Protein backbone atom coordinates (compact mmCIF):
# COMPACT_ATOMS: atom_id res chain seq x y z
CA MET A 1 -4.58 -14.57 19.95
CA ALA A 2 -2.35 -13.00 17.35
CA GLN A 3 0.39 -15.09 15.86
CA GLN A 4 3.92 -14.14 16.79
CA ARG A 5 4.69 -12.30 13.57
CA THR A 6 4.21 -8.70 12.50
CA VAL A 7 3.20 -7.01 9.29
CA VAL A 8 4.12 -3.37 8.71
CA VAL A 9 1.48 -1.39 6.81
CA THR A 10 2.28 2.16 5.68
CA GLY A 11 -0.37 4.74 4.90
CA ALA A 12 -2.90 2.98 7.12
CA GLY A 13 -4.25 5.82 9.25
CA SER A 14 -7.14 7.17 7.17
CA LYS A 15 -10.53 5.94 8.35
CA ARG A 16 -11.75 5.33 4.80
CA GLY A 17 -8.51 4.08 3.35
CA ILE A 18 -7.18 0.89 1.81
CA GLY A 19 -4.37 0.80 4.37
CA ARG A 20 -6.63 0.75 7.41
CA GLU A 21 -8.87 -1.89 5.88
CA THR A 22 -5.77 -3.94 5.05
CA ALA A 23 -4.63 -3.71 8.65
CA PHE A 24 -7.97 -5.13 9.78
CA HIS A 25 -7.85 -7.97 7.24
CA LEU A 26 -4.33 -8.95 8.27
CA ALA A 27 -5.13 -8.74 11.98
CA ARG A 28 -8.09 -11.06 11.47
CA ALA A 29 -5.76 -13.41 9.61
CA GLY A 30 -3.56 -13.69 12.69
CA TRP A 31 -0.94 -11.01 12.16
CA SER A 32 0.26 -8.47 14.69
CA VAL A 33 0.07 -5.14 12.90
CA ALA A 34 2.30 -2.05 12.86
CA ILE A 35 0.36 0.85 11.35
CA LEU A 36 2.51 3.69 10.01
CA ASP A 37 1.15 6.98 8.73
CA ILE A 38 2.28 10.58 8.23
CA ASP A 39 -0.52 11.46 10.66
CA GLY A 40 0.53 9.85 13.92
CA ALA A 41 -2.80 10.48 15.63
CA THR A 42 -4.77 8.60 12.97
CA ALA A 43 -2.21 5.78 13.03
CA GLU A 44 -2.68 5.43 16.78
CA ASP A 45 -6.46 5.53 16.44
CA SER A 46 -6.41 2.85 13.77
CA ALA A 47 -4.15 0.65 15.89
CA LYS A 48 -6.48 1.00 18.88
CA ASP A 49 -9.48 0.08 16.72
CA VAL A 50 -7.68 -2.92 15.24
CA ALA A 51 -6.67 -4.19 18.66
CA ALA A 52 -10.12 -3.64 20.15
CA GLN A 53 -12.05 -5.25 17.32
CA THR A 54 -9.76 -8.16 16.44
CA GLY A 55 -7.75 -8.90 19.57
CA ALA A 56 -4.53 -8.58 17.60
CA LYS A 57 -1.50 -6.75 18.91
CA ALA A 58 -1.26 -3.43 17.09
CA ILE A 59 0.86 -0.31 17.24
CA GLY A 60 0.37 3.02 15.47
CA LEU A 61 3.34 5.26 14.68
CA ALA A 62 3.95 8.54 12.89
CA VAL A 63 6.34 8.26 9.96
CA ASP A 64 7.39 10.27 6.95
CA VAL A 65 8.17 7.56 4.41
CA THR A 66 10.33 9.98 2.41
CA ASP A 67 12.68 10.52 5.37
CA PRO A 68 15.14 7.68 6.15
CA LEU A 69 15.60 8.86 9.75
CA SER A 70 11.86 8.92 10.38
CA VAL A 71 11.48 5.45 8.87
CA ASP A 72 14.40 4.06 10.86
CA LYS A 73 12.97 5.45 14.10
CA ALA A 74 9.56 3.92 13.45
CA ILE A 75 10.84 0.51 12.39
CA SER A 76 13.23 0.42 15.34
CA ARG A 77 10.23 0.84 17.65
CA VAL A 78 8.41 -1.93 15.82
CA GLU A 79 11.43 -4.19 16.31
CA ALA A 80 11.58 -3.36 20.01
CA GLU A 81 7.86 -3.62 20.81
CA MET A 82 6.36 -6.13 18.38
CA PRO A 83 6.89 -9.76 17.31
CA PRO A 84 9.34 -10.34 14.43
CA VAL A 85 8.51 -8.51 11.21
CA GLU A 86 7.71 -10.96 8.43
CA ALA A 87 5.71 -8.83 5.99
CA LEU A 88 5.56 -5.31 4.60
CA VAL A 89 2.70 -3.61 2.78
CA ASN A 90 3.66 -0.31 1.13
CA ILE A 91 0.42 1.64 0.74
CA ALA A 92 1.45 5.22 1.57
CA GLY A 93 0.87 7.35 -1.50
CA VAL A 94 -0.37 10.65 -2.85
CA THR A 95 -1.91 11.79 -6.11
CA GLY A 96 -2.82 15.02 -7.90
CA MET A 97 -5.14 16.05 -10.71
CA TYR A 98 -3.07 18.06 -13.20
CA THR A 99 -2.57 18.09 -16.93
CA PHE A 100 1.00 17.62 -18.07
CA MET A 101 1.52 21.33 -18.81
CA GLU A 102 0.10 22.28 -15.43
CA LEU A 103 2.66 20.15 -13.59
CA THR A 104 5.42 21.86 -11.67
CA LEU A 105 8.67 20.17 -10.76
CA ALA A 106 7.70 20.49 -7.11
CA GLU A 107 4.42 18.62 -7.73
CA TRP A 108 6.23 15.96 -9.78
CA ASP A 109 8.73 15.46 -6.96
CA ARG A 110 6.00 15.39 -4.29
CA VAL A 111 4.22 12.48 -5.95
CA PHE A 112 7.39 10.56 -6.79
CA ASN A 113 8.85 11.13 -3.34
CA VAL A 114 5.95 9.50 -1.51
CA ASN A 115 5.02 6.79 -3.99
CA VAL A 116 8.46 5.69 -5.21
CA ARG A 117 11.12 7.06 -2.86
CA GLY A 118 8.94 6.11 0.11
CA THR A 119 8.51 2.55 -1.13
CA PHE A 120 12.27 2.27 -1.61
CA ILE A 121 13.21 3.69 1.80
CA VAL A 122 10.74 1.62 3.81
CA THR A 123 11.50 -1.58 1.91
CA GLN A 124 15.25 -1.19 2.26
CA ARG A 125 14.87 -0.69 6.02
CA VAL A 126 12.51 -3.65 6.50
CA LEU A 127 14.04 -6.15 4.08
CA PRO A 128 16.89 -7.27 6.40
CA LEU A 129 14.24 -8.29 8.94
CA LEU A 130 12.45 -10.40 6.35
CA LEU A 131 15.68 -12.00 5.19
CA ALA A 132 16.63 -12.78 8.79
CA SER A 133 13.36 -14.64 9.24
CA GLY A 134 14.12 -16.86 6.25
CA HIS A 135 10.90 -15.91 4.53
CA GLY A 136 8.72 -12.87 4.08
CA ARG A 137 6.16 -10.98 2.05
CA ILE A 138 6.30 -7.57 0.40
CA VAL A 139 3.19 -6.12 -1.23
CA ASN A 140 3.40 -2.77 -3.03
CA MET A 141 0.63 -0.42 -4.12
CA SER A 142 0.54 0.39 -7.82
CA SER A 143 -2.53 1.58 -9.73
CA VAL A 144 -4.47 0.91 -12.89
CA SER A 145 -3.19 4.36 -13.91
CA GLY A 146 0.33 2.97 -14.01
CA GLU A 147 -0.79 0.24 -16.40
CA ARG A 148 -3.10 2.08 -18.78
CA GLY A 149 -1.41 5.50 -18.65
CA GLY A 150 -3.89 7.48 -16.58
CA GLY A 151 -7.41 8.10 -17.69
CA VAL A 152 -8.85 7.31 -14.26
CA PHE A 153 -7.67 9.67 -11.52
CA GLY A 154 -4.40 11.56 -11.14
CA GLY A 155 -2.01 13.17 -13.58
CA THR A 156 0.93 12.02 -15.66
CA HIS A 157 3.23 12.12 -12.65
CA TYR A 158 0.96 9.76 -10.72
CA SER A 159 0.78 7.28 -13.62
CA ALA A 160 4.56 7.40 -13.99
CA ALA A 161 5.14 6.91 -10.27
CA LYS A 162 2.81 3.93 -10.07
CA ALA A 163 4.43 2.38 -13.16
CA ALA A 164 7.77 2.80 -11.39
CA VAL A 165 6.42 0.92 -8.38
CA GLN A 166 5.61 -2.00 -10.67
CA GLY A 167 9.15 -1.92 -12.05
CA VAL A 168 10.62 -1.97 -8.55
CA THR A 169 8.33 -4.85 -7.62
CA LYS A 170 9.35 -7.01 -10.56
CA ALA A 171 13.08 -6.37 -10.23
CA LEU A 172 13.12 -6.93 -6.48
CA ALA A 173 11.03 -10.10 -6.85
CA ARG A 174 13.63 -11.47 -9.26
CA GLU A 175 16.46 -10.52 -6.89
CA LEU A 176 14.84 -12.16 -3.87
CA ALA A 177 13.21 -15.19 -5.51
CA ASP A 178 15.75 -17.66 -4.10
CA LYS A 179 15.86 -16.01 -0.68
CA GLY A 180 12.39 -16.88 0.54
CA VAL A 181 10.89 -13.40 0.16
CA THR A 182 8.08 -12.80 -2.32
CA VAL A 183 7.39 -9.35 -3.80
CA ASN A 184 4.11 -8.52 -5.48
CA CYS A 185 1.90 -5.52 -6.10
CA VAL A 186 -1.75 -4.69 -6.51
CA ALA A 187 -3.07 -2.26 -9.09
CA PRO A 188 -6.49 -0.99 -8.02
CA GLY A 189 -8.80 1.01 -10.18
CA LEU A 190 -10.62 3.95 -8.65
CA ILE A 191 -11.55 3.01 -5.08
CA ASP A 192 -14.03 4.89 -2.92
CA THR A 193 -11.65 6.22 -0.24
CA ASP A 194 -10.60 9.48 1.37
CA ILE A 195 -7.99 10.08 -1.36
CA THR A 196 -10.78 10.98 -3.78
CA GLU A 197 -12.93 12.80 -1.21
CA GLY A 198 -13.88 16.25 -2.49
CA LYS A 199 -12.00 15.73 -5.76
CA LEU A 200 -14.68 13.88 -7.72
CA THR A 201 -17.55 16.04 -8.90
CA PRO A 202 -20.83 14.15 -9.43
CA GLU A 203 -20.32 14.54 -13.17
CA LEU A 204 -16.77 13.18 -13.06
CA ARG A 205 -17.80 10.30 -10.82
CA ALA A 206 -20.64 9.37 -13.15
CA SER A 207 -18.26 9.48 -16.12
CA VAL A 208 -15.73 7.28 -14.37
CA GLU A 209 -18.35 4.76 -13.26
CA ALA A 210 -19.70 4.54 -16.79
CA SER A 211 -16.21 3.59 -18.03
CA ILE A 212 -15.91 0.70 -15.56
CA GLY A 213 -17.25 -2.69 -16.58
CA MET A 214 -19.02 -3.12 -13.23
CA HIS A 215 -20.27 0.51 -13.31
CA ARG A 216 -19.15 1.32 -9.78
CA LEU A 217 -16.10 2.32 -7.79
CA GLY A 218 -14.24 -0.35 -5.88
CA ARG A 219 -14.37 -0.77 -2.12
CA ALA A 220 -11.35 -0.72 0.18
CA GLU A 221 -12.12 -4.19 1.51
CA GLU A 222 -11.97 -5.60 -2.02
CA VAL A 223 -8.36 -4.46 -2.33
CA ALA A 224 -7.48 -5.44 1.24
CA ALA A 225 -8.63 -9.01 0.66
CA VAL A 226 -6.18 -9.45 -2.22
CA ILE A 227 -3.34 -7.91 -0.22
CA ALA A 228 -4.10 -10.25 2.67
CA PHE A 229 -3.87 -13.21 0.29
CA LEU A 230 -0.51 -12.05 -1.07
CA ALA A 231 0.79 -11.73 2.49
CA SER A 232 -0.43 -15.20 3.40
CA ASP A 233 1.30 -18.57 3.37
CA ALA A 234 -1.04 -19.59 0.56
CA ALA A 235 0.75 -17.19 -1.80
CA SER A 236 4.17 -18.76 -1.29
CA TYR A 237 4.67 -19.45 -5.02
CA VAL A 238 3.47 -16.04 -6.24
CA THR A 239 6.14 -13.41 -6.83
CA GLY A 240 6.71 -10.58 -9.29
CA ALA A 241 2.99 -10.45 -10.00
CA THR A 242 0.62 -7.52 -10.36
CA TYR A 243 -2.97 -8.17 -9.32
CA ASP A 244 -5.51 -6.00 -11.13
CA ILE A 245 -8.48 -4.93 -8.98
CA ASN A 246 -10.40 -2.59 -11.26
CA GLY A 247 -13.89 -3.93 -11.93
CA GLY A 248 -13.10 -4.39 -15.62
CA SER A 249 -11.94 -0.86 -16.35
CA HIS A 250 -8.69 -2.22 -17.78
CA ILE A 251 -8.25 -5.77 -19.04
CA HIS A 252 -5.01 -6.88 -20.67
């Protein structure tokens, strides 16, 4: 039986995504799970699968993380239909393969809007619920690209956006450190998910794998396991941290 607490996971609809795998890991750890995704149908499907396979209470909702009204509507439903929200995992994100001179302002804004603006909007809406509980967990999704300055997958705008997520994480962790809410982020390397589907040629994939210490792409469950730890009671003294999950492609 699921514990009487809920974790909100954004960007968790895709069948081969980190978000969906994270929802499963958290459900197995005893959380009720609210799955939010721009594609409401996939969010609902993921929630049904989580509930059927783990026995946890789960709900799937359509949300545009860049739209405050859409976020408010979704979180209001979570408040009304689920146990108290005590954790948030911001995974919703987009990328794009462009050189700097190929970038348009529209493309720059698209990537920043989802990755950075979305993280801000959802977190600001959910944070009062965490504060009301007296404790809470926030886990944000950065990327190895935000640490090493690209060179893996995605353009300059993606690296900049993911670096910004780390900055938000650190500053918010400092602000909330004495309020019982921890804020951390994970920085995966290239993970074998739908976000790269059709974008990696065999030659590019081989080149990327050769640059990774373990000579392979990561798996969604390897990232989800770290997120589940950061959302757990065991991580109560961890805040403002970035966990690298990159198979040795970037060590610092």
